[in-house]
C-alpha atoms as a PDB file:
ATOM      1  CA  MET A   1     -26.048  40.307  12.477  1.00  0.00           C
ATOM      2  CA  SER A   2     -25.369  38.856   9.069  1.00  0.00           C
ATOM      3  CA  LYS A   3     -26.781  41.137   6.394  1.00  0.00           C
ATOM      4  CA  ARG A   4     -28.501  38.304   4.544  1.00  0.00           C
ATOM      5  CA  VAL A   5     -30.019  36.851   7.720  1.00  0.00           C
ATOM      6  CA  GLU A   6     -31.122  40.296   8.911  1.00  0.00           C
ATOM      7  CA  GLU A   7     -32.651  41.200   5.522  1.00  0.00           C
ATOM      8  CA  PHE A   8     -34.459  37.862   5.350  1.00  0.00           C
ATOM      9  CA  GLN A   9     -35.932  38.201   8.836  1.00  0.00           C
ATOM     10  CA  SER A  10     -36.882  41.852   8.355  1.00  0.00           C
ATOM     11  CA  PHE A  11     -38.564  41.329   4.981  1.00  0.00           C
ATOM     12  CA  ARG A  12     -40.413  38.229   6.183  1.00  0.00           C
ATOM     13  CA  LYS A  13     -41.734  40.037   9.278  1.00  0.00           C
ATOM     14  CA  LYS A  14     -42.755  43.137   7.315  1.00  0.00           C
ATOM     15  CA  MET A  15     -44.553  41.217   4.592  1.00  0.00           C
ATOM     16  CA  ASN A  16     -46.273  38.802   6.973  1.00  0.00           C
ATOM     17  CA  GLU A  17     -47.648  41.793   8.898  1.00  0.00           C
ATOM     18  CA  ARG A  18     -48.813  43.384   5.642  1.00  0.00           C
ATOM     19  CA  ILE A  19     -50.411  40.197   4.327  1.00  0.00           C
ATOM     20  CA  LEU A  20     -52.132  39.263   7.581  1.00  0.00           C
ATOM     21  CA  GLY A  21     -53.170  42.897   8.058  1.00  0.00           C
ATOM     22  CA  ALA A  22     -55.292  42.638   4.909  1.00  0.00           C
ATOM     23  CA  ASP A  23     -57.585  40.449   7.033  1.00  0.00           C
ATOM     24  CA  ASN A  24     -58.302  37.884   4.301  1.00  0.00           C
ATOM     25  CA  ARG A  25     -59.899  34.871   5.970  1.00  0.00           C
ATOM     26  CA  ALA A  26     -58.502  32.242   3.576  1.00  0.00           C
ATOM     27  CA  ILE A  27     -54.946  33.592   3.842  1.00  0.00           C
ATOM     28  CA  LYS A  28     -55.153  33.781   7.636  1.00  0.00           C
ATOM     29  CA  ARG A  29     -56.428  30.216   7.799  1.00  0.00           C
ATOM     30  CA  PHE A  30     -53.641  28.943   5.555  1.00  0.00           C
ATOM     31  CA  PHE A  31     -51.031  30.704   7.706  1.00  0.00           C
ATOM     32  CA  GLY A  32     -52.712  29.123  10.736  1.00  0.00           C
ATOM     33  CA  VAL A  33     -52.539  25.633   9.230  1.00  0.00           C
ATOM     34  CA  ASP A  34     -48.866  26.206   8.422  1.00  0.00           C
ATOM     35  CA  THR A  35     -48.195  27.172  12.047  1.00  0.00           C
ATOM     36  CA  LEU A  36     -50.157  24.192  13.412  1.00  0.00           C
ATOM     37  CA  THR A  37     -48.311  21.774  11.144  1.00  0.00           C
ATOM     38  CA  TYR A  38     -44.995  22.386  12.909  1.00  0.00           C
ATOM     39  CA  GLU A  39     -46.355  22.007  16.448  1.00  0.00           C
ATOM     40  CA  PRO A  40     -45.354  18.808  18.247  1.00  0.00           C
ATOM     41  CA  GLY A  41     -47.612  15.821  17.682  1.00  0.00           C
ATOM     42  CA  LYS A  42     -46.668  12.234  16.904  1.00  0.00           C
ATOM     43  CA  LEU A  43     -43.541  13.847  15.412  1.00  0.00           C
ATOM     44  CA  ASP A  44     -41.630  16.452  17.380  1.00  0.00           C
ATOM     45  CA  THR A  45     -41.050  19.956  16.039  1.00  0.00           C
ATOM     46  CA  LYS A  46     -37.385  19.242  15.266  1.00  0.00           C
ATOM     47  CA  THR A  47     -38.315  16.329  12.998  1.00  0.00           C
ATOM     48  CA  LYS A  48     -41.038  18.358  11.291  1.00  0.00           C
ATOM     49  CA  GLU A  49     -38.613  21.223  10.610  1.00  0.00           C
ATOM     50  CA  MET A  50     -36.094  18.787   9.132  1.00  0.00           C
ATOM     51  CA  LEU A  51     -38.834  17.407   6.881  1.00  0.00           C
ATOM     52  CA  GLY A  52     -39.790  20.963   5.925  1.00  0.00           C
ATOM     53  CA  LEU A  53     -36.179  21.693   5.010  1.00  0.00           C
ATOM     54  CA  VAL A  54     -35.913  18.628   2.759  1.00  0.00           C
ATOM     55  CA  SER A  55     -39.221  19.470   1.085  1.00  0.00           C
ATOM     56  CA  SER A  56     -38.222  23.093   0.564  1.00  0.00           C
ATOM     57  CA  MET A  57     -34.928  22.109  -1.033  1.00  0.00           C
ATOM     58  CA  VAL A  58     -36.599  19.605  -3.356  1.00  0.00           C
ATOM     59  CA  LEU A  59     -39.236  22.200  -4.295  1.00  0.00           C
ATOM     60  CA  ARG A  60     -36.402  24.724  -4.769  1.00  0.00           C
ATOM     61  CA  CYS A  61     -37.789  27.507  -2.586  1.00  0.00           C
ATOM     62  CA  ASP A  62     -34.806  29.463  -1.258  1.00  0.00           C
ATOM     63  CA  ASP A  63     -36.923  31.537   1.158  1.00  0.00           C
ATOM     64  CA  CYS A  64     -38.407  28.353   2.610  1.00  0.00           C
ATOM     65  CA  VAL A  65     -34.957  26.766   2.817  1.00  0.00           C
ATOM     66  CA  SER A  66     -33.633  29.767   4.753  1.00  0.00           C
ATOM     67  CA  TYR A  67     -36.642  29.767   7.073  1.00  0.00           C
ATOM     68  CA  HIS A  68     -36.340  26.051   7.836  1.00  0.00           C
ATOM     69  CA  ILE A  69     -32.586  26.347   8.425  1.00  0.00           C
ATOM     70  CA  MET A  70     -33.334  29.040  11.026  1.00  0.00           C
ATOM     71  CA  GLU A  71     -36.018  26.893  12.630  1.00  0.00           C
ATOM     72  CA  CYS A  72     -33.825  23.787  12.558  1.00  0.00           C
ATOM     73  CA  LYS A  73     -31.063  25.703  14.340  1.00  0.00           C
ATOM     74  CA  LYS A  74     -33.601  26.851  16.965  1.00  0.00           C
ATOM     75  CA  GLU A  75     -34.537  23.200  17.459  1.00  0.00           C
ATOM     76  CA  GLY A  76     -30.891  22.243  18.013  1.00  0.00           C
ATOM     77  CA  VAL A  77     -30.125  20.589  14.677  1.00  0.00           C
ATOM     78  CA  THR A  78     -26.346  20.231  14.383  1.00  0.00           C
ATOM     79  CA  ASP A  79     -24.324  20.980  11.275  1.00  0.00           C
ATOM     80  CA  GLU A  80     -23.686  17.247  10.874  1.00  0.00           C
ATOM     81  CA  GLU A  81     -27.450  16.645  10.916  1.00  0.00           C
ATOM     82  CA  MET A  82     -27.936  19.510   8.461  1.00  0.00           C
ATOM     83  CA  PHE A  83     -25.628  17.846   5.959  1.00  0.00           C
ATOM     84  CA  GLU A  84     -27.566  14.598   6.342  1.00  0.00           C
ATOM     85  CA  ILE A  85     -30.753  16.577   5.626  1.00  0.00           C
ATOM     86  CA  PHE A  86     -29.062  18.153   2.612  1.00  0.00           C
ATOM     87  CA  SER A  87     -28.007  14.710   1.346  1.00  0.00           C
ATOM     88  CA  VAL A  88     -31.603  13.434   1.539  1.00  0.00           C
ATOM     89  CA  ALA A  89     -32.825  16.497  -0.381  1.00  0.00           C
ATOM     90  CA  LEU A  90     -30.128  16.027  -3.020  1.00  0.00           C
ATOM     91  CA  THR A  91     -30.943  12.340  -3.427  1.00  0.00           C
ATOM     92  CA  VAL A  92     -34.683  12.967  -3.694  1.00  0.00           C
ATOM     93  CA  GLY A  93     -34.454  16.114  -5.827  1.00  0.00           C
ATOM     94  CA  GLY A  94     -31.448  15.325  -8.000  1.00  0.00           C
ATOM     95  CA  SER A  95     -28.752  17.597  -9.350  1.00  0.00           C
ATOM     96  CA  ILE A  96     -31.172  20.509  -9.835  1.00  0.00           C
ATOM     97  CA  VAL A  97     -31.024  20.902  -6.037  1.00  0.00           C
ATOM     98  CA  ILE A  98     -27.269  21.671  -6.095  1.00  0.00           C
ATOM     99  CA  PRO A  99     -27.628  25.475  -6.536  1.00  0.00           C
ATOM    100  CA  HIS A 100     -30.078  25.518  -3.613  1.00  0.00           C
ATOM    101  CA  LEU A 101     -27.686  23.376  -1.609  1.00  0.00           C
ATOM    102  CA  ARG A 102     -24.984  25.996  -2.169  1.00  0.00           C
ATOM    103  CA  ARG A 103     -27.260  28.788  -0.963  1.00  0.00           C
ATOM    104  CA  ALA A 104     -28.424  26.657   1.962  1.00  0.00           C
ATOM    105  CA  VAL A 105     -24.856  26.033   3.121  1.00  0.00           C
ATOM    106  CA  ALA A 106     -24.030  29.737   2.724  1.00  0.00           C
ATOM    107  CA  PHE A 107     -27.069  30.644   4.846  1.00  0.00           C
ATOM    108  CA  LEU A 108     -26.132  27.998   7.439  1.00  0.00           C
ATOM    109  CA  ASP A 109     -22.602  29.440   7.599  1.00  0.00           C
ATOM    110  CA  GLU A 110     -24.050  32.915   8.160  1.00  0.00           C
ATOM    111  CA  MET A 111     -26.304  31.575  10.917  1.00  0.00           C
ATOM    112  CA  ASN A 112     -23.263  29.956  12.563  1.00  0.00           C
ATOM    113  CA  GLU A 113     -21.248  33.185  12.279  1.00  0.00           C
ATOM    114  CA  LEU A 114     -24.128  35.079  13.851  1.00  0.00           C
ATOM    115  CA  LYS A 115     -24.328  32.627  16.746  1.00  0.00           C
ATOM    116  CA  ALA A 116     -20.560  32.833  17.255  1.00  0.00           C
ATOM    117  CA  THR A 117     -20.731  36.630  17.601  1.00  0.00           C
ATOM    118  CA  GLU A 118     -23.630  36.336  20.081  1.00  0.00           C
ATOM    119  CA  ASP A 119     -21.778  33.839  22.315  1.00  0.00           C
END
C-alpha cells in the first residue's frame, strides 16, 4: 500500500476512535450528521462525494481532499471525472487552490497505483 495512503487511513482511524471514545455527545452528533449527509437521498452518494471534494479543495483542507478522493474512487469516479471536479474547484477557489490541486493529483496517483497492485 502507498505509504501516504496507508498513513492517512491509519491516522484517521486511530484518531476517530480516540475522539469518539471520549463519549462527547456534541462531537458524536456532529460525526453522525457528517455520516448522514453522504447517504443517498435526492442526490446519490457519488454526487455528494464529488461535491464534498470540490468544497474541500476550495476550503483548502488537504485531509478532507484525500478523504473525498478515496470516497469518490469507491463510488466509481473516473480520473476524467476527477479532473472535471478539480477544474470546478479551481474555478470557484482561484489560484490559491493550485497547491491543493497538486497534492490532490499526487494522492489520486497513489490511489491508482494502489489499485493497480491489488488487481
